[in-house]
C-alpha atoms as a PDB file:
ATOM      1  CA  MET A   1     -44.791   9.322   8.577  1.00  0.00           C
ATOM      2  CA  SER A   2     -45.871  10.679   5.245  1.00  0.00           C
ATOM      3  CA  LYS A   3     -48.895   9.356   3.396  1.00  0.00           C
ATOM      4  CA  ILE A   4     -47.011   7.807   0.471  1.00  0.00           C
ATOM      5  CA  CYS A   5     -47.293   4.244  -0.844  1.00  0.00           C
ATOM      6  CA  GLN A   6     -43.932   2.490  -0.623  1.00  0.00           C
ATOM      7  CA  ILE A   7     -44.605   0.382  -3.737  1.00  0.00           C
ATOM      8  CA  THR A   8     -46.380   2.658  -6.213  1.00  0.00           C
ATOM      9  CA  GLY A   9     -45.284   6.064  -4.900  1.00  0.00           C
ATOM     10  CA  LYS A  10     -48.859   7.346  -4.810  1.00  0.00           C
ATOM     11  CA  LYS A  11     -49.416  10.322  -2.527  1.00  0.00           C
ATOM     12  CA  ALA A  12     -52.228  12.638  -1.532  1.00  0.00           C
ATOM     13  CA  GLY A  13     -53.660  14.950  -4.173  1.00  0.00           C
ATOM     14  CA  ASN A  14     -55.746  18.064  -3.824  1.00  0.00           C
ATOM     15  CA  GLY A  15     -58.942  19.375  -5.331  1.00  0.00           C
ATOM     16  CA  ASN A  16     -62.170  21.095  -4.446  1.00  0.00           C
ATOM     17  CA  ASN A  17     -65.310  20.323  -2.510  1.00  0.00           C
ATOM     18  CA  VAL A  18     -68.144  21.598  -4.698  1.00  0.00           C
ATOM     19  CA  SER A  19     -71.386  22.445  -2.926  1.00  0.00           C
ATOM     20  CA  HIS A  20     -74.857  22.495  -4.453  1.00  0.00           C
ATOM     21  CA  SER A  21     -74.449  26.223  -5.088  1.00  0.00           C
ATOM     22  CA  LYS A  22     -71.132  25.445  -6.879  1.00  0.00           C
ATOM     23  CA  ARG A  23     -69.081  27.146  -4.164  1.00  0.00           C
ATOM     24  CA  ARG A  24     -65.608  25.595  -4.061  1.00  0.00           C
ATOM     25  CA  THR A  25     -63.413  24.942  -1.032  1.00  0.00           C
ATOM     26  CA  LYS A  26     -60.075  23.166  -1.009  1.00  0.00           C
ATOM     27  CA  ARG A  27     -59.825  19.528   0.081  1.00  0.00           C
ATOM     28  CA  ILE A  28     -57.290  16.707   0.067  1.00  0.00           C
ATOM     29  CA  PHE A  29     -57.749  13.308  -1.587  1.00  0.00           C
ATOM     30  CA  ASN A  30     -55.790  10.896   0.608  1.00  0.00           C
ATOM     31  CA  VAL A  31     -54.428   7.558  -0.576  1.00  0.00           C
ATOM     32  CA  ASN A  32     -56.029   4.337   0.692  1.00  0.00           C
ATOM     33  CA  LEU A  33     -52.985   3.257   2.732  1.00  0.00           C
ATOM     34  CA  GLN A  34     -52.718   0.065   4.749  1.00  0.00           C
ATOM     35  CA  VAL A  35     -49.836  -1.154   6.900  1.00  0.00           C
ATOM     36  CA  LYS A  36     -49.323  -4.762   5.833  1.00  0.00           C
ATOM     37  CA  LYS A  37     -46.880  -7.502   6.784  1.00  0.00           C
ATOM     38  CA  PHE A  38     -45.376  -9.435   3.859  1.00  0.00           C
ATOM     39  CA  TYR A  39     -43.170 -12.521   3.905  1.00  0.00           C
ATOM     40  CA  VAL A  40     -40.070 -12.230   1.708  1.00  0.00           C
ATOM     41  CA  PRO A  41     -38.632 -15.690   0.953  1.00  0.00           C
ATOM     42  CA  GLU A  42     -35.234 -14.315  -0.123  1.00  0.00           C
ATOM     43  CA  LEU A  43     -34.772 -12.682   3.285  1.00  0.00           C
ATOM     44  CA  ASP A  44     -36.608 -15.498   5.112  1.00  0.00           C
ATOM     45  CA  ASP A  45     -38.283 -12.773   7.148  1.00  0.00           C
ATOM     46  CA  TYR A  46     -41.361 -10.582   7.335  1.00  0.00           C
ATOM     47  CA  ILE A  47     -41.351  -6.891   6.435  1.00  0.00           C
ATOM     48  CA  TYR A  48     -43.922  -4.208   7.117  1.00  0.00           C
ATOM     49  CA  LEU A  49     -44.893  -1.929   4.244  1.00  0.00           C
ATOM     50  CA  LYS A  50     -47.228   1.037   4.048  1.00  0.00           C
ATOM     51  CA  VAL A  51     -48.987   0.261   0.765  1.00  0.00           C
ATOM     52  CA  SER A  52     -52.047   1.504  -1.078  1.00  0.00           C
ATOM     53  CA  ALA A  53     -54.792  -0.797  -2.349  1.00  0.00           C
ATOM     54  CA  ALA A  54     -53.224  -0.513  -5.809  1.00  0.00           C
ATOM     55  CA  GLY A  55     -49.860  -1.466  -4.297  1.00  0.00           C
ATOM     56  CA  ILE A  56     -51.372  -4.603  -2.749  1.00  0.00           C
ATOM     57  CA  ARG A  57     -52.778  -5.576  -6.155  1.00  0.00           C
ATOM     58  CA  THR A  58     -49.347  -4.974  -7.708  1.00  0.00           C
ATOM     59  CA  ILE A  59     -47.722  -7.259  -5.125  1.00  0.00           C
ATOM     60  CA  ASN A  60     -50.356  -9.949  -5.761  1.00  0.00           C
ATOM     61  CA  LYS A  61     -49.750  -9.728  -9.515  1.00  0.00           C
ATOM     62  CA  LYS A  62     -45.928  -9.533  -9.669  1.00  0.00           C
ATOM     63  CA  GLY A  63     -44.898 -11.066  -6.369  1.00  0.00           C
ATOM     64  CA  ILE A  64     -43.278  -9.328  -3.422  1.00  0.00           C
ATOM     65  CA  THR A  65     -39.694  -9.669  -4.683  1.00  0.00           C
ATOM     66  CA  ALA A  66     -40.363  -8.185  -8.130  1.00  0.00           C
ATOM     67  CA  ALA A  67     -42.539  -5.414  -6.670  1.00  0.00           C
ATOM     68  CA  LEU A  68     -39.825  -4.408  -4.198  1.00  0.00           C
ATOM     69  CA  LYS A  69     -37.189  -4.489  -6.939  1.00  0.00           C
ATOM     70  CA  ASP A  70     -39.341  -2.255  -9.192  1.00  0.00           C
ATOM     71  CA  ALA A  71     -39.874   0.148  -6.267  1.00  0.00           C
ATOM     72  CA  GLY A  72     -36.105   0.480  -5.846  1.00  0.00           C
ATOM     73  CA  TYR A  73     -35.521  -1.597  -2.723  1.00  0.00           C
ATOM     74  CA  VAL A  74     -32.375  -3.720  -2.576  1.00  0.00           C
ATOM     75  CA  ILE A  75     -32.951  -7.337  -1.566  1.00  0.00           C
ATOM     76  CA  GLU A  76     -29.861  -9.175  -0.383  1.00  0.00           C
END
């Protein structure tokens, strides 16, 4: 699976490693992804999401239903 947060849409970025002599080599900045299980009361079931640390904070702030709705998921 790709390294993309399912709530915020964050994905890996790129940049440079810079040594002491200022020599630059390419590197990748990965997202802090966690696979978490969330309970959705509307579905009366648990779902697994691959979310970043920022996505977990978003879910804690808004609630799982509002966060999923903002991310474009349909809850029936």
